[in-house]
Amino acid sequence: MAANGAQDSFSLSDVLAAVMTMRSGEQDAKKKAHAYLESFQKSKTSWGTIIGILQSKAEPEATLFAAITLRGKVFPASSM
């Protein structure tokens, strides 16, 4: 996971690891994972990774995260 917040691409494995960290990581690790996932959700390059998670046999938490992220991209909060 990149720590600088200027991430241009996100790997499937990094996103899945961050989601799992949110479930069982230490507080500091959770803060970093949260920031990473938030950046991922806002990224224009995250579409492929989202679809990859949804098509995989990922953990239910990761599938839910991907579905919520996809919904947010298709129906942005500003349009609701």
C-alpha atoms as a PDB file:
ATOM      1  CA  MET A   1       0.000   0.000   0.000  1.00  0.00           C
ATOM      2  CA  ALA A   2       1.296   3.423  -0.850  1.00  0.00           C
ATOM      3  CA  ALA A   3       1.570   5.767   2.072  1.00  0.00           C
ATOM      4  CA  ASN A   4       1.727   9.036   0.178  1.00  0.00           C
ATOM      5  CA  GLY A   5      -1.963   9.243  -0.793  1.00  0.00           C
ATOM      6  CA  ALA A   6      -1.066   9.948  -4.438  1.00  0.00           C
ATOM      7  CA  GLN A   7      -1.848   6.427  -5.578  1.00  0.00           C
ATOM      8  CA  ASP A   8      -2.607   6.059  -9.295  1.00  0.00           C
ATOM      9  CA  SER A   9      -3.240   2.334  -9.424  1.00  0.00           C
ATOM     10  CA  PHE A  10      -4.358  -0.127  -6.823  1.00  0.00           C
ATOM     11  CA  SER A  11      -3.540  -3.813  -6.893  1.00  0.00           C
ATOM     12  CA  LEU A  12      -6.193  -6.365  -6.113  1.00  0.00           C
ATOM     13  CA  SER A  13      -4.006  -7.925  -3.424  1.00  0.00           C
ATOM     14  CA  ASP A  14      -3.378  -4.575  -1.694  1.00  0.00           C
ATOM     15  CA  VAL A  15      -7.079  -3.710  -1.645  1.00  0.00           C
ATOM     16  CA  LEU A  16      -8.010  -7.146  -0.286  1.00  0.00           C
ATOM     17  CA  ALA A  17      -5.296  -6.887   2.369  1.00  0.00           C
ATOM     18  CA  ALA A  18      -6.572  -3.460   3.426  1.00  0.00           C
ATOM     19  CA  VAL A  19     -10.139  -4.761   3.711  1.00  0.00           C
ATOM     20  CA  MET A  20      -8.965  -7.657   5.885  1.00  0.00           C
ATOM     21  CA  THR A  21      -6.898  -5.255   8.020  1.00  0.00           C
ATOM     22  CA  MET A  22     -10.082  -3.331   8.769  1.00  0.00           C
ATOM     23  CA  ARG A  23     -11.527  -6.524  10.226  1.00  0.00           C
ATOM     24  CA  SER A  24      -8.723  -7.613  12.489  1.00  0.00           C
ATOM     25  CA  GLY A  25      -5.743  -5.267  12.399  1.00  0.00           C
ATOM     26  CA  GLU A  26      -4.195  -3.072  15.059  1.00  0.00           C
ATOM     27  CA  GLN A  27      -5.539   0.466  15.450  1.00  0.00           C
ATOM     28  CA  ASP A  28      -2.636   2.135  13.589  1.00  0.00           C
ATOM     29  CA  ALA A  29      -2.863  -0.402  10.766  1.00  0.00           C
ATOM     30  CA  LYS A  30      -6.624   0.159  10.557  1.00  0.00           C
ATOM     31  CA  LYS A  31      -6.113   3.914  10.186  1.00  0.00           C
ATOM     32  CA  LYS A  32      -3.677   3.358   7.310  1.00  0.00           C
ATOM     33  CA  ALA A  33      -5.966   0.786   5.686  1.00  0.00           C
ATOM     34  CA  HIS A  34      -8.934   3.139   6.006  1.00  0.00           C
ATOM     35  CA  ALA A  35      -7.035   5.974   4.324  1.00  0.00           C
ATOM     36  CA  TYR A  36      -5.884   3.620   1.559  1.00  0.00           C
ATOM     37  CA  LEU A  37      -9.400   2.284   0.948  1.00  0.00           C
ATOM     38  CA  GLU A  38     -10.865   5.776   0.971  1.00  0.00           C
ATOM     39  CA  SER A  39      -8.315   6.836  -1.646  1.00  0.00           C
ATOM     40  CA  PHE A  40      -9.137   3.707  -3.640  1.00  0.00           C
ATOM     41  CA  GLN A  41     -12.854   4.499  -3.597  1.00  0.00           C
ATOM     42  CA  LYS A  42     -12.214   8.019  -4.904  1.00  0.00           C
ATOM     43  CA  SER A  43      -9.790   6.875  -7.598  1.00  0.00           C
ATOM     44  CA  LYS A  44     -10.806   6.909 -11.251  1.00  0.00           C
ATOM     45  CA  THR A  45      -8.607   3.859 -11.819  1.00  0.00           C
ATOM     46  CA  SER A  46     -10.358   1.591  -9.323  1.00  0.00           C
ATOM     47  CA  TRP A  47     -13.056   0.273 -11.693  1.00  0.00           C
ATOM     48  CA  GLY A  48     -11.076  -2.758 -12.868  1.00  0.00           C
ATOM     49  CA  THR A  49     -10.084  -3.741  -9.359  1.00  0.00           C
ATOM     50  CA  ILE A  50     -13.692  -3.445  -8.179  1.00  0.00           C
ATOM     51  CA  ILE A  51     -14.888  -5.739 -10.973  1.00  0.00           C
ATOM     52  CA  GLY A  52     -12.020  -8.128 -10.218  1.00  0.00           C
ATOM     53  CA  ILE A  53     -13.090  -8.408  -6.584  1.00  0.00           C
ATOM     54  CA  LEU A  54     -16.722  -8.967  -7.541  1.00  0.00           C
ATOM     55  CA  GLN A  55     -15.751 -11.714 -10.003  1.00  0.00           C
ATOM     56  CA  SER A  56     -13.405 -13.437  -7.548  1.00  0.00           C
ATOM     57  CA  LYS A  57     -14.062 -15.708  -4.614  1.00  0.00           C
ATOM     58  CA  ALA A  58     -12.967 -13.013  -2.194  1.00  0.00           C
ATOM     59  CA  GLU A  59     -14.027 -12.875   1.436  1.00  0.00           C
ATOM     60  CA  PRO A  60     -17.595 -11.590   1.960  1.00  0.00           C
ATOM     61  CA  GLU A  61     -16.248  -8.356   3.490  1.00  0.00           C
ATOM     62  CA  ALA A  62     -14.254  -7.644   0.336  1.00  0.00           C
ATOM     63  CA  THR A  63     -17.219  -8.416  -1.916  1.00  0.00           C
ATOM     64  CA  LEU A  64     -19.436  -6.094   0.120  1.00  0.00           C
ATOM     65  CA  PHE A  65     -16.781  -3.357   0.037  1.00  0.00           C
ATOM     66  CA  ALA A  66     -16.486  -3.704  -3.755  1.00  0.00           C
ATOM     67  CA  ALA A  67     -20.267  -3.610  -4.214  1.00  0.00           C
ATOM     68  CA  ILE A  68     -20.602  -0.502  -2.049  1.00  0.00           C
ATOM     69  CA  THR A  69     -17.722   1.152  -3.905  1.00  0.00           C
ATOM     70  CA  LEU A  70     -19.280   0.317  -7.279  1.00  0.00           C
ATOM     71  CA  ARG A  71     -22.635   1.705  -6.169  1.00  0.00           C
ATOM     72  CA  GLY A  72     -20.929   4.913  -5.074  1.00  0.00           C
ATOM     73  CA  LYS A  73     -19.291   5.239  -8.490  1.00  0.00           C
ATOM     74  CA  VAL A  74     -22.493   4.556 -10.434  1.00  0.00           C
ATOM     75  CA  PHE A  75     -24.708   6.643  -8.155  1.00  0.00           C
ATOM     76  CA  PRO A  76     -22.520   9.333  -6.546  1.00  0.00           C
ATOM     77  CA  ALA A  77     -23.886  10.829  -3.317  1.00  0.00           C
ATOM     78  CA  SER A  78     -24.175  14.199  -5.050  1.00  0.00           C
ATOM     79  CA  SER A  79     -26.701  12.758  -7.516  1.00  0.00           C
ATOM     80  CA  MET A  80     -29.022  11.271  -4.906  1.00  0.00           C
END
